[in-house]
Amino acid sequence: MYLAIHVPDKPATVKDASERYGISTNHLAKVAQRLVQEKIINSQRGRGGGLSLAMPAEQINIGHLIRKIENPELLECFGSNCSCPIESVCVLFSALRKAQQAFFNVLDEYTLADVVKNKHKLQQSLLLARAV
C-alpha cells in the first residue's frame, strides 16, 4: 500500500516505510526482499534508488500477494509433511481449511488499487501528502 500511495518527490525506502507504519525495519526489509523475488516490486540500489511497484496497482491481486509472502500453512496438517494420525477424519482440519479458502476467496476479489482508493486519506495518515 505504501508504494501505491507514495508521493514520488523522494525515493520510497524500507526505512521510511517502517518509520511511518511503526513496524520493524528488519521485518519490512524481509517482506520487501520477498516482493522483489516475486517480481511484485522493483528495488534500485544507490543514490536516488528505492522501491517501486513492478506493475500497475490494478494488476496486483491481494489474494495472490498474500499467498506469495505469507505462509498459508496455519497448522502442521496444512502442509505436505503432516504426520497427524487423525487428519483424514478431523473435523477441525476441515473447518479450518474451509475458513482459509473463504479468506482467500474474499482477498481474491481485491487489487492493490482497490485498497488504496482513499489514497489522499492514506497519505495524510502517513504524512506523505505534499504540503500545499
N, C-alpha and C. Protein backbone atom coordinates (compact mmCIF):
# COMPACT_ATOMS: atom_id res chain seq x y z
N MET A 1 0.84 -1.19 0.00
CA MET A 1 0.00 0.00 0.00
C MET A 1 0.88 1.25 0.00
N TYR A 2 1.98 1.20 0.76
CA TYR A 2 2.89 2.34 0.85
C TYR A 2 3.39 2.73 -0.54
N LEU A 3 3.81 1.76 -1.33
CA LEU A 3 4.33 2.07 -2.66
C LEU A 3 3.25 2.58 -3.60
N ALA A 4 2.04 2.13 -3.43
CA ALA A 4 0.93 2.57 -4.28
C ALA A 4 0.52 4.01 -3.99
N ILE A 5 0.77 4.49 -2.78
CA ILE A 5 0.36 5.85 -2.43
C ILE A 5 1.54 6.80 -2.27
N HIS A 6 2.75 6.28 -2.44
CA HIS A 6 3.96 7.08 -2.24
C HIS A 6 4.01 8.26 -3.19
N VAL A 7 4.32 9.42 -2.65
CA VAL A 7 4.49 10.63 -3.46
C VAL A 7 5.93 10.62 -3.98
N PRO A 8 6.11 10.64 -5.29
CA PRO A 8 7.45 10.44 -5.86
C PRO A 8 8.40 11.63 -5.76
N ASP A 9 8.30 12.41 -4.68
CA ASP A 9 9.22 13.53 -4.53
C ASP A 9 10.57 13.08 -3.96
N LYS A 10 10.61 11.87 -3.40
CA LYS A 10 11.86 11.26 -2.96
C LYS A 10 11.67 9.76 -3.03
N PRO A 11 12.77 9.01 -3.05
CA PRO A 11 12.65 7.55 -3.18
C PRO A 11 11.88 6.91 -2.03
N ALA A 12 11.13 5.87 -2.34
CA ALA A 12 10.45 5.08 -1.33
C ALA A 12 11.46 4.09 -0.77
N THR A 13 11.66 4.09 0.54
CA THR A 13 12.64 3.21 1.15
C THR A 13 12.00 2.37 2.25
N VAL A 14 12.64 1.27 2.55
CA VAL A 14 12.18 0.41 3.64
C VAL A 14 12.21 1.19 4.95
N LYS A 15 13.27 1.93 5.16
CA LYS A 15 13.42 2.69 6.41
C LYS A 15 12.28 3.70 6.58
N ASP A 16 11.98 4.44 5.53
CA ASP A 16 10.90 5.42 5.60
C ASP A 16 9.55 4.74 5.87
N ALA A 17 9.27 3.67 5.14
CA ALA A 17 8.00 2.96 5.33
C ALA A 17 7.90 2.40 6.74
N SER A 18 8.98 1.81 7.25
CA SER A 18 8.94 1.22 8.60
C SER A 18 8.69 2.29 9.65
N GLU A 19 9.28 3.46 9.47
CA GLU A 19 9.07 4.56 10.42
C GLU A 19 7.62 5.07 10.35
N ARG A 20 7.09 5.20 9.16
CA ARG A 20 5.73 5.72 9.00
C ARG A 20 4.68 4.76 9.53
N TYR A 21 4.90 3.45 9.34
CA TYR A 21 3.95 2.44 9.81
C TYR A 21 4.23 1.98 11.24
N GLY A 22 5.39 2.32 11.76
CA GLY A 22 5.75 1.91 13.12
C GLY A 22 6.00 0.42 13.22
N ILE A 23 6.66 -0.14 12.21
CA ILE A 23 6.99 -1.56 12.24
C ILE A 23 8.50 -1.76 12.07
N SER A 24 8.96 -2.94 12.39
CA SER A 24 10.38 -3.27 12.35
C SER A 24 10.97 -3.10 10.96
N THR A 25 12.09 -2.40 10.87
CA THR A 25 12.79 -2.24 9.60
C THR A 25 13.27 -3.59 9.09
N ASN A 26 13.77 -4.43 9.99
CA ASN A 26 14.26 -5.76 9.58
C ASN A 26 13.13 -6.60 8.98
N HIS A 27 11.98 -6.59 9.64
CA HIS A 27 10.84 -7.36 9.13
C HIS A 27 10.42 -6.84 7.76
N LEU A 28 10.29 -5.53 7.64
CA LEU A 28 9.86 -4.94 6.38
C LEU A 28 10.88 -5.18 5.27
N ALA A 29 12.16 -5.19 5.61
CA ALA A 29 13.20 -5.47 4.61
C ALA A 29 13.05 -6.89 4.07
N LYS A 30 12.71 -7.84 4.95
CA LYS A 30 12.49 -9.23 4.51
C LYS A 30 11.26 -9.32 3.60
N VAL A 31 10.21 -8.60 3.97
CA VAL A 31 9.00 -8.59 3.13
C VAL A 31 9.33 -7.97 1.77
N ALA A 32 10.05 -6.86 1.77
CA ALA A 32 10.41 -6.20 0.51
C ALA A 32 11.27 -7.12 -0.35
N GLN A 33 12.20 -7.82 0.26
CA GLN A 33 13.05 -8.75 -0.48
C GLN A 33 12.21 -9.84 -1.14
N ARG A 34 11.25 -10.35 -0.40
CA ARG A 34 10.37 -11.38 -0.95
C ARG A 34 9.54 -10.82 -2.10
N LEU A 35 9.04 -9.60 -1.98
CA LEU A 35 8.25 -8.98 -3.04
C LEU A 35 9.09 -8.72 -4.29
N VAL A 36 10.37 -8.42 -4.09
CA VAL A 36 11.28 -8.27 -5.23
C VAL A 36 11.48 -9.62 -5.92
N GLN A 37 11.69 -10.67 -5.12
CA GLN A 37 11.86 -12.02 -5.69
C GLN A 37 10.64 -12.45 -6.48
N GLU A 38 9.47 -12.06 -6.00
CA GLU A 38 8.21 -12.43 -6.67
C GLU A 38 7.87 -11.47 -7.82
N LYS A 39 8.75 -10.50 -8.07
CA LYS A 39 8.58 -9.52 -9.16
C LYS A 39 7.31 -8.68 -9.00
N ILE A 40 6.97 -8.40 -7.74
CA ILE A 40 5.83 -7.55 -7.44
C ILE A 40 6.30 -6.11 -7.25
N ILE A 41 7.51 -5.96 -6.71
CA ILE A 41 8.12 -4.63 -6.61
C ILE A 41 9.52 -4.67 -7.21
N ASN A 42 10.03 -3.47 -7.52
CA ASN A 42 11.40 -3.30 -8.01
C ASN A 42 12.22 -2.64 -6.92
N SER A 43 13.49 -2.96 -6.88
CA SER A 43 14.40 -2.32 -5.95
C SER A 43 15.60 -1.82 -6.73
N GLN A 44 15.89 -0.55 -6.55
CA GLN A 44 17.05 0.05 -7.21
C GLN A 44 18.00 0.55 -6.14
N ARG A 45 19.23 0.08 -6.19
CA ARG A 45 20.22 0.48 -5.20
C ARG A 45 20.90 1.78 -5.60
N GLY A 46 21.57 2.37 -4.63
CA GLY A 46 22.38 3.54 -4.91
C GLY A 46 21.63 4.84 -4.73
N ARG A 47 22.36 5.90 -5.02
CA ARG A 47 21.81 7.25 -4.88
C ARG A 47 20.57 7.41 -5.78
N GLY A 48 19.49 7.87 -5.19
CA GLY A 48 18.26 8.04 -5.94
C GLY A 48 17.48 6.74 -6.12
N GLY A 49 18.00 5.66 -5.58
CA GLY A 49 17.33 4.37 -5.70
C GLY A 49 16.19 4.27 -4.70
N GLY A 50 15.58 3.12 -4.66
CA GLY A 50 14.48 2.89 -3.74
C GLY A 50 13.58 1.80 -4.26
N LEU A 51 12.40 1.76 -3.73
CA LEU A 51 11.43 0.72 -4.08
C LEU A 51 10.31 1.31 -4.93
N SER A 52 9.78 0.49 -5.83
CA SER A 52 8.64 0.91 -6.65
C SER A 52 7.84 -0.33 -7.04
N LEU A 53 6.60 -0.13 -7.40
CA LEU A 53 5.78 -1.24 -7.86
C LEU A 53 6.30 -1.71 -9.22
N ALA A 54 6.30 -3.01 -9.44
CA ALA A 54 6.79 -3.57 -10.70
C ALA A 54 5.70 -3.61 -11.76
N MET A 55 4.47 -3.32 -11.35
CA MET A 55 3.33 -3.33 -12.27
C MET A 55 2.28 -2.39 -11.72
N PRO A 56 1.30 -2.03 -12.53
CA PRO A 56 0.24 -1.15 -12.03
C PRO A 56 -0.51 -1.79 -10.86
N ALA A 57 -0.97 -0.98 -9.93
CA ALA A 57 -1.69 -1.45 -8.75
C ALA A 57 -2.93 -2.25 -9.13
N GLU A 58 -3.51 -1.95 -10.27
CA GLU A 58 -4.70 -2.67 -10.74
C GLU A 58 -4.40 -4.13 -11.08
N GLN A 59 -3.14 -4.44 -11.30
CA GLN A 59 -2.74 -5.80 -11.68
C GLN A 59 -2.23 -6.63 -10.50
N ILE A 60 -2.19 -6.03 -9.31
CA ILE A 60 -1.69 -6.74 -8.13
C ILE A 60 -2.87 -7.22 -7.31
N ASN A 61 -3.12 -8.52 -7.38
CA ASN A 61 -4.24 -9.13 -6.66
C ASN A 61 -3.82 -9.39 -5.22
N ILE A 62 -4.65 -8.96 -4.27
CA ILE A 62 -4.32 -9.09 -2.85
C ILE A 62 -4.23 -10.55 -2.41
N GLY A 63 -5.14 -11.40 -2.86
CA GLY A 63 -5.08 -12.82 -2.51
C GLY A 63 -3.79 -13.45 -2.99
N HIS A 64 -3.42 -13.18 -4.23
CA HIS A 64 -2.18 -13.70 -4.80
C HIS A 64 -0.98 -13.19 -4.00
N LEU A 65 -1.00 -11.91 -3.69
CA LEU A 65 0.09 -11.29 -2.94
C LEU A 65 0.28 -11.97 -1.57
N ILE A 66 -0.80 -12.15 -0.84
CA ILE A 66 -0.72 -12.77 0.49
C ILE A 66 -0.23 -14.21 0.38
N ARG A 67 -0.70 -14.93 -0.61
CA ARG A 67 -0.23 -16.31 -0.81
C ARG A 67 1.27 -16.36 -1.05
N LYS A 68 1.81 -15.35 -1.75
CA LYS A 68 3.23 -15.34 -2.09
C LYS A 68 4.12 -14.94 -0.91
N ILE A 69 3.64 -14.05 -0.04
CA ILE A 69 4.54 -13.55 1.00
C ILE A 69 4.27 -14.10 2.40
N GLU A 70 3.14 -14.74 2.59
CA GLU A 70 2.83 -15.31 3.90
C GLU A 70 2.79 -16.83 3.81
N ASN A 71 2.98 -17.48 4.93
CA ASN A 71 2.91 -18.93 4.97
C ASN A 71 1.45 -19.34 5.16
N PRO A 72 0.83 -19.93 4.13
CA PRO A 72 -0.58 -20.30 4.25
C PRO A 72 -0.83 -21.55 5.09
N GLU A 73 0.23 -22.18 5.56
CA GLU A 73 0.08 -23.38 6.38
C GLU A 73 -0.17 -22.97 7.83
N LEU A 74 -1.44 -22.87 8.18
CA LEU A 74 -1.82 -22.45 9.53
C LEU A 74 -1.35 -23.44 10.59
N LEU A 75 -1.43 -24.71 10.27
CA LEU A 75 -1.06 -25.78 11.18
C LEU A 75 -0.22 -26.80 10.43
N GLU A 76 0.42 -27.69 11.16
CA GLU A 76 1.23 -28.73 10.53
C GLU A 76 0.39 -29.53 9.53
N CYS A 77 -0.87 -29.76 9.86
CA CYS A 77 -1.72 -30.59 9.00
C CYS A 77 -2.05 -29.92 7.66
N PHE A 78 -1.76 -28.64 7.52
CA PHE A 78 -1.98 -27.96 6.25
C PHE A 78 -0.84 -28.23 5.27
N GLY A 79 0.29 -28.69 5.79
CA GLY A 79 1.46 -28.92 4.96
C GLY A 79 1.50 -30.31 4.35
N SER A 80 2.48 -30.53 3.52
CA SER A 80 2.60 -31.82 2.83
C SER A 80 3.24 -32.89 3.71
N ASN A 81 3.86 -32.50 4.82
CA ASN A 81 4.54 -33.45 5.70
C ASN A 81 3.73 -33.75 6.96
N CYS A 82 2.44 -33.76 6.86
CA CYS A 82 1.58 -33.99 8.01
C CYS A 82 1.72 -35.43 8.50
N SER A 83 1.92 -35.56 9.80
CA SER A 83 2.02 -36.90 10.38
C SER A 83 0.92 -37.14 11.41
N CYS A 84 -0.12 -36.33 11.37
CA CYS A 84 -1.21 -36.45 12.33
C CYS A 84 -2.04 -37.70 12.03
N PRO A 85 -2.24 -38.55 13.02
CA PRO A 85 -2.97 -39.80 12.77
C PRO A 85 -4.48 -39.61 12.54
N ILE A 86 -5.03 -38.45 12.87
CA ILE A 86 -6.48 -38.25 12.68
C ILE A 86 -6.81 -37.30 11.54
N GLU A 87 -5.81 -36.93 10.76
CA GLU A 87 -6.02 -35.94 9.69
C GLU A 87 -7.21 -36.29 8.79
N SER A 88 -7.33 -37.50 8.37
CA SER A 88 -8.37 -37.87 7.40
C SER A 88 -9.78 -37.80 7.96
N VAL A 89 -9.93 -37.78 9.29
CA VAL A 89 -11.26 -37.74 9.91
C VAL A 89 -11.45 -36.53 10.82
N CYS A 90 -10.51 -35.60 10.79
CA CYS A 90 -10.53 -34.45 11.70
C CYS A 90 -11.49 -33.37 11.20
N VAL A 91 -12.50 -33.08 11.98
CA VAL A 91 -13.48 -32.05 11.63
C VAL A 91 -12.85 -30.66 11.74
N LEU A 92 -11.97 -30.47 12.71
CA LEU A 92 -11.30 -29.17 12.87
C LEU A 92 -10.49 -28.84 11.63
N PHE A 93 -9.74 -29.80 11.11
CA PHE A 93 -8.96 -29.59 9.90
C PHE A 93 -9.87 -29.13 8.76
N SER A 94 -10.98 -29.83 8.59
CA SER A 94 -11.93 -29.50 7.53
C SER A 94 -12.47 -28.08 7.71
N ALA A 95 -12.82 -27.72 8.93
CA ALA A 95 -13.36 -26.38 9.20
C ALA A 95 -12.31 -25.30 8.94
N LEU A 96 -11.08 -25.55 9.38
CA LEU A 96 -10.02 -24.56 9.17
C LEU A 96 -9.68 -24.41 7.69
N ARG A 97 -9.65 -25.50 6.97
CA ARG A 97 -9.37 -25.45 5.53
C ARG A 97 -10.47 -24.65 4.81
N LYS A 98 -11.72 -24.90 5.19
CA LYS A 98 -12.85 -24.19 4.60
C LYS A 98 -12.77 -22.69 4.91
N ALA A 99 -12.42 -22.35 6.14
CA ALA A 99 -12.28 -20.95 6.54
C ALA A 99 -11.15 -20.28 5.77
N GLN A 100 -10.04 -20.97 5.61
CA GLN A 100 -8.91 -20.41 4.87
C GLN A 100 -9.29 -20.18 3.41
N GLN A 101 -10.00 -21.10 2.81
CA GLN A 101 -10.44 -20.93 1.42
C GLN A 101 -11.37 -19.73 1.29
N ALA A 102 -12.26 -19.55 2.25
CA ALA A 102 -13.16 -18.39 2.24
C ALA A 102 -12.35 -17.09 2.37
N PHE A 103 -11.36 -17.10 3.25
CA PHE A 103 -10.47 -15.95 3.46
C PHE A 103 -9.81 -15.54 2.14
N PHE A 104 -9.22 -16.51 1.45
CA PHE A 104 -8.55 -16.20 0.19
C PHE A 104 -9.54 -15.85 -0.92
N ASN A 105 -10.72 -16.45 -0.92
CA ASN A 105 -11.73 -16.11 -1.91
C ASN A 105 -12.11 -14.63 -1.81
N VAL A 106 -12.23 -14.12 -0.60
CA VAL A 106 -12.54 -12.70 -0.41
C VAL A 106 -11.36 -11.84 -0.86
N LEU A 107 -10.15 -12.19 -0.44
CA LEU A 107 -8.98 -11.40 -0.84
C LEU A 107 -8.77 -11.40 -2.34
N ASP A 108 -9.14 -12.49 -3.00
CA ASP A 108 -9.00 -12.57 -4.46
C ASP A 108 -9.89 -11.57 -5.19
N GLU A 109 -10.88 -11.02 -4.52
CA GLU A 109 -11.78 -10.04 -5.13
C GLU A 109 -11.18 -8.64 -5.17
N TYR A 110 -10.01 -8.44 -4.54
CA TYR A 110 -9.44 -7.10 -4.41
C TYR A 110 -8.07 -7.00 -5.08
N THR A 111 -7.82 -5.82 -5.63
CA THR A 111 -6.49 -5.49 -6.13
C THR A 111 -5.89 -4.42 -5.22
N LEU A 112 -4.62 -4.17 -5.42
CA LEU A 112 -3.98 -3.10 -4.66
C LEU A 112 -4.66 -1.76 -4.93
N ALA A 113 -5.08 -1.55 -6.16
CA ALA A 113 -5.78 -0.30 -6.49
C ALA A 113 -7.07 -0.16 -5.69
N ASP A 114 -7.76 -1.27 -5.47
CA ASP A 114 -8.99 -1.23 -4.69
C ASP A 114 -8.74 -0.79 -3.25
N VAL A 115 -7.67 -1.28 -2.65
CA VAL A 115 -7.44 -0.99 -1.24
C VAL A 115 -6.77 0.36 -0.99
N VAL A 116 -6.39 1.05 -2.07
CA VAL A 116 -5.83 2.40 -1.89
C VAL A 116 -6.70 3.45 -2.60
N LYS A 117 -7.98 3.15 -2.76
CA LYS A 117 -8.89 4.12 -3.38
C LYS A 117 -8.95 5.42 -2.59
N ASN A 118 -8.76 5.33 -1.28
CA ASN A 118 -8.75 6.52 -0.43
C ASN A 118 -7.31 7.03 -0.27
N LYS A 119 -6.61 7.11 -1.38
CA LYS A 119 -5.18 7.45 -1.43
C LYS A 119 -4.85 8.71 -0.63
N HIS A 120 -5.61 9.74 -0.79
CA HIS A 120 -5.29 11.01 -0.12
C HIS A 120 -5.41 10.88 1.40
N LYS A 121 -6.41 10.15 1.88
CA LYS A 121 -6.55 9.94 3.32
C LYS A 121 -5.42 9.07 3.85
N LEU A 122 -5.02 8.06 3.09
CA LEU A 122 -3.90 7.22 3.49
C LEU A 122 -2.61 8.05 3.54
N GLN A 123 -2.41 8.88 2.54
CA GLN A 123 -1.22 9.75 2.52
C GLN A 123 -1.21 10.68 3.74
N GLN A 124 -2.35 11.26 4.07
CA GLN A 124 -2.44 12.14 5.23
C GLN A 124 -2.13 11.37 6.52
N SER A 125 -2.65 10.16 6.62
CA SER A 125 -2.42 9.35 7.81
C SER A 125 -0.95 9.02 8.00
N LEU A 126 -0.24 8.86 6.90
CA LEU A 126 1.20 8.54 6.96
C LEU A 126 2.07 9.78 6.77
N LEU A 127 1.43 10.94 6.72
CA LEU A 127 2.13 12.20 6.49
C LEU A 127 2.95 12.18 5.20
N LEU A 128 2.35 11.63 4.15
CA LEU A 128 3.02 11.56 2.85
C LEU A 128 2.58 12.67 1.92
N ALA A 129 1.44 13.27 2.18
CA ALA A 129 0.91 14.28 1.27
C ALA A 129 1.84 15.49 1.24
N ARG A 130 1.97 16.05 0.08
CA ARG A 130 2.78 17.26 -0.07
C ARG A 130 2.08 18.42 0.61
N ALA A 131 2.85 19.27 1.22
CA ALA A 131 2.27 20.48 1.80
C ALA A 131 1.81 21.39 0.67
N VAL A 132 0.62 21.93 0.80
CA VAL A 132 0.08 22.77 -0.27
C VAL A 132 0.28 24.22 0.07
